[in-house]
Amino acid sequence: MDRDFRTYALDRVSSADARQIARLLYPLLGADDRPTANEMLAAARPLLETVLDHHREAAYLAAIADGKYQPELLFNKQLDIAERIRLHPALIWKAENVAQHMMQSRKPS
């Protein structure tokens, strides 16, 4: 992702360009499978509304934005899950990457 996840909303997905879909997605699908952007959005909307509901994950997203990886904020009642995902390489990398970016952006020019 190229920006803070908290800024993503359903309208970003709704603005999918038909040319990009044809160029990037259709080659991955079968020849007889060519859903339109509206058809795909209708099918994905229930999931996206849940995923893009940032209120449920506000504390976690704020911590990640500060470069602090705290999965227990997502799974405070399931600490075994929190501990397992604490070791996830992609999430560790993301937190470290954000922390480095934050340090660089705070340095005077």
C-alpha atoms as a PDB file:
ATOM      1  CA  MET A   1       0.000   0.000   0.000  1.00  0.00           C
ATOM      2  CA  ASP A   2       1.294   3.381  -0.906  1.00  0.00           C
ATOM      3  CA  ARG A   3      -0.251   5.362   1.954  1.00  0.00           C
ATOM      4  CA  ASP A   4      -1.657   5.193   5.473  1.00  0.00           C
ATOM      5  CA  PHE A   5      -4.298   2.446   5.580  1.00  0.00           C
ATOM      6  CA  ARG A   6      -6.579   4.720   7.614  1.00  0.00           C
ATOM      7  CA  THR A   7      -7.068   6.865   4.498  1.00  0.00           C
ATOM      8  CA  TYR A   8      -8.441   3.981   2.407  1.00  0.00           C
ATOM      9  CA  ALA A   9     -12.193   3.988   1.912  1.00  0.00           C
ATOM     10  CA  LEU A  10     -14.730   2.262  -0.297  1.00  0.00           C
ATOM     11  CA  ASP A  11     -14.688   5.156  -2.775  1.00  0.00           C
ATOM     12  CA  ARG A  12     -11.053   4.319  -3.624  1.00  0.00           C
ATOM     13  CA  VAL A  13     -12.183   0.864  -4.766  1.00  0.00           C
ATOM     14  CA  SER A  14     -15.314   2.245  -6.411  1.00  0.00           C
ATOM     15  CA  SER A  15     -13.207   4.334  -8.740  1.00  0.00           C
ATOM     16  CA  ALA A  16     -11.594   1.312 -10.415  1.00  0.00           C
ATOM     17  CA  ASP A  17     -10.724   2.108 -14.019  1.00  0.00           C
ATOM     18  CA  ALA A  18     -12.224  -0.306 -16.570  1.00  0.00           C
ATOM     19  CA  ARG A  19      -9.039  -0.102 -18.672  1.00  0.00           C
ATOM     20  CA  GLN A  20      -6.885  -1.073 -15.714  1.00  0.00           C
ATOM     21  CA  ILE A  21      -9.207  -3.957 -14.911  1.00  0.00           C
ATOM     22  CA  ALA A  22      -8.986  -5.180 -18.497  1.00  0.00           C
ATOM     23  CA  ARG A  23      -5.202  -4.801 -18.555  1.00  0.00           C
ATOM     24  CA  LEU A  24      -4.332  -6.096 -15.078  1.00  0.00           C
ATOM     25  CA  LEU A  25      -7.098  -8.499 -14.058  1.00  0.00           C
ATOM     26  CA  TYR A  26      -8.576 -10.068 -17.167  1.00  0.00           C
ATOM     27  CA  PRO A  27      -5.324 -11.801 -18.197  1.00  0.00           C
ATOM     28  CA  LEU A  28      -5.509 -13.675 -14.873  1.00  0.00           C
ATOM     29  CA  LEU A  29      -9.084 -14.873 -15.436  1.00  0.00           C
ATOM     30  CA  GLY A  30     -10.550 -17.450 -17.753  1.00  0.00           C
ATOM     31  CA  ALA A  31     -11.604 -16.247 -21.207  1.00  0.00           C
ATOM     32  CA  ASP A  32     -15.280 -16.573 -20.290  1.00  0.00           C
ATOM     33  CA  ASP A  33     -14.908 -14.750 -16.971  1.00  0.00           C
ATOM     34  CA  ARG A  34     -15.028 -10.976 -17.517  1.00  0.00           C
ATOM     35  CA  PRO A  35     -16.904  -9.326 -14.632  1.00  0.00           C
ATOM     36  CA  THR A  36     -17.420  -5.587 -14.825  1.00  0.00           C
ATOM     37  CA  ALA A  37     -16.086  -3.257 -12.135  1.00  0.00           C
ATOM     38  CA  ASN A  38     -19.633  -2.826 -10.808  1.00  0.00           C
ATOM     39  CA  GLU A  39     -20.187  -6.597 -10.619  1.00  0.00           C
ATOM     40  CA  MET A  40     -16.927  -7.105  -8.745  1.00  0.00           C
ATOM     41  CA  LEU A  41     -17.626  -4.239  -6.371  1.00  0.00           C
ATOM     42  CA  ALA A  42     -21.131  -5.560  -5.641  1.00  0.00           C
ATOM     43  CA  ALA A  43     -19.674  -8.983  -4.803  1.00  0.00           C
ATOM     44  CA  ALA A  44     -16.840  -7.573  -2.677  1.00  0.00           C
ATOM     45  CA  ARG A  45     -18.703  -4.700  -0.971  1.00  0.00           C
ATOM     46  CA  PRO A  46     -19.779  -6.627   2.177  1.00  0.00           C
ATOM     47  CA  LEU A  47     -16.214  -7.748   2.861  1.00  0.00           C
ATOM     48  CA  LEU A  48     -14.699  -4.373   1.988  1.00  0.00           C
ATOM     49  CA  GLU A  49     -17.104  -2.532   4.283  1.00  0.00           C
ATOM     50  CA  THR A  50     -15.858  -4.701   7.139  1.00  0.00           C
ATOM     51  CA  VAL A  51     -12.173  -4.463   6.226  1.00  0.00           C
ATOM     52  CA  LEU A  52     -12.345  -0.716   5.689  1.00  0.00           C
ATOM     53  CA  ASP A  53     -14.166  -0.074   8.991  1.00  0.00           C
ATOM     54  CA  HIS A  54     -11.195   1.602  10.638  1.00  0.00           C
ATOM     55  CA  HIS A  55     -13.065   2.380  13.871  1.00  0.00           C
ATOM     56  CA  ARG A  56     -12.719  -1.204  15.100  1.00  0.00           C
ATOM     57  CA  GLU A  57      -8.957  -1.090  14.616  1.00  0.00           C
ATOM     58  CA  ALA A  58      -8.240   2.577  15.376  1.00  0.00           C
ATOM     59  CA  ALA A  59      -5.758   1.954  18.215  1.00  0.00           C
ATOM     60  CA  TYR A  60      -3.831  -0.656  16.193  1.00  0.00           C
ATOM     61  CA  LEU A  61      -3.707   1.522  13.072  1.00  0.00           C
ATOM     62  CA  ALA A  62      -2.554   4.529  15.101  1.00  0.00           C
ATOM     63  CA  ALA A  63       0.209   2.430  16.666  1.00  0.00           C
ATOM     64  CA  ILE A  64       1.342   1.090  13.254  1.00  0.00           C
ATOM     65  CA  ALA A  65       1.331   4.654  11.887  1.00  0.00           C
ATOM     66  CA  ASP A  66       3.804   5.466  14.683  1.00  0.00           C
ATOM     67  CA  GLY A  67       5.905   2.399  13.805  1.00  0.00           C
ATOM     68  CA  LYS A  68       4.766   0.437  16.851  1.00  0.00           C
ATOM     69  CA  TYR A  69       3.639  -3.121  16.144  1.00  0.00           C
ATOM     70  CA  GLN A  70       1.071  -4.104  18.777  1.00  0.00           C
ATOM     71  CA  PRO A  71      -1.120  -6.984  17.545  1.00  0.00           C
ATOM     72  CA  GLU A  72      -2.589  -7.387  21.027  1.00  0.00           C
ATOM     73  CA  LEU A  73      -4.632  -4.265  20.248  1.00  0.00           C
ATOM     74  CA  LEU A  74      -6.492  -6.335  17.638  1.00  0.00           C
ATOM     75  CA  PHE A  75      -6.689  -9.556  19.627  1.00  0.00           C
ATOM     76  CA  ASN A  76      -6.845  -8.449  23.239  1.00  0.00           C
ATOM     77  CA  LYS A  77      -9.032 -11.438  24.169  1.00  0.00           C
ATOM     78  CA  GLN A  78      -7.046 -13.936  22.089  1.00  0.00           C
ATOM     79  CA  LEU A  79      -3.480 -13.437  23.208  1.00  0.00           C
ATOM     80  CA  ASP A  80      -2.377 -16.727  21.616  1.00  0.00           C
ATOM     81  CA  ILE A  81      -3.338 -15.314  18.205  1.00  0.00           C
ATOM     82  CA  ALA A  82      -1.676 -11.996  19.001  1.00  0.00           C
ATOM     83  CA  GLU A  83       1.531 -13.786  19.902  1.00  0.00           C
ATOM     84  CA  ARG A  84       1.497 -15.846  16.691  1.00  0.00           C
ATOM     85  CA  ILE A  85       0.986 -12.836  14.439  1.00  0.00           C
ATOM     86  CA  ARG A  86       3.545 -10.839  16.415  1.00  0.00           C
ATOM     87  CA  LEU A  87       6.104 -13.035  14.614  1.00  0.00           C
ATOM     88  CA  HIS A  88       4.673 -12.487  11.106  1.00  0.00           C
ATOM     89  CA  PRO A  89       7.553 -11.257   8.911  1.00  0.00           C
ATOM     90  CA  ALA A  90       5.443  -8.974   6.698  1.00  0.00           C
ATOM     91  CA  LEU A  91       3.883  -7.211   9.676  1.00  0.00           C
ATOM     92  CA  ILE A  92       7.210  -6.837  11.438  1.00  0.00           C
ATOM     93  CA  TRP A  93       8.676  -5.394   8.240  1.00  0.00           C
ATOM     94  CA  LYS A  94       5.759  -2.949   7.876  1.00  0.00           C
ATOM     95  CA  ALA A  95       6.188  -1.619  11.399  1.00  0.00           C
ATOM     96  CA  GLU A  96       9.942  -1.264  10.943  1.00  0.00           C
ATOM     97  CA  ASN A  97       9.454   0.425   7.583  1.00  0.00           C
ATOM     98  CA  VAL A  98       6.979   2.931   9.042  1.00  0.00           C
ATOM     99  CA  ALA A  99       9.253   3.608  12.016  1.00  0.00           C
ATOM    100  CA  GLN A 100      12.182   4.331   9.665  1.00  0.00           C
ATOM    101  CA  HIS A 101      10.009   6.575   7.517  1.00  0.00           C
ATOM    102  CA  MET A 102       8.797   8.458  10.593  1.00  0.00           C
ATOM    103  CA  MET A 103      12.383   8.982  11.793  1.00  0.00           C
ATOM    104  CA  GLN A 104      13.457  10.289   8.387  1.00  0.00           C
ATOM    105  CA  SER A 105      10.491  12.631   8.104  1.00  0.00           C
ATOM    106  CA  ARG A 106      11.255  14.120  11.548  1.00  0.00           C
ATOM    107  CA  LYS A 107      14.889  14.929  10.678  1.00  0.00           C
ATOM    108  CA  PRO A 108      15.478  18.578   9.862  1.00  0.00           C
ATOM    109  CA  SER A 109      16.419  19.176   6.223  1.00  0.00           C
END
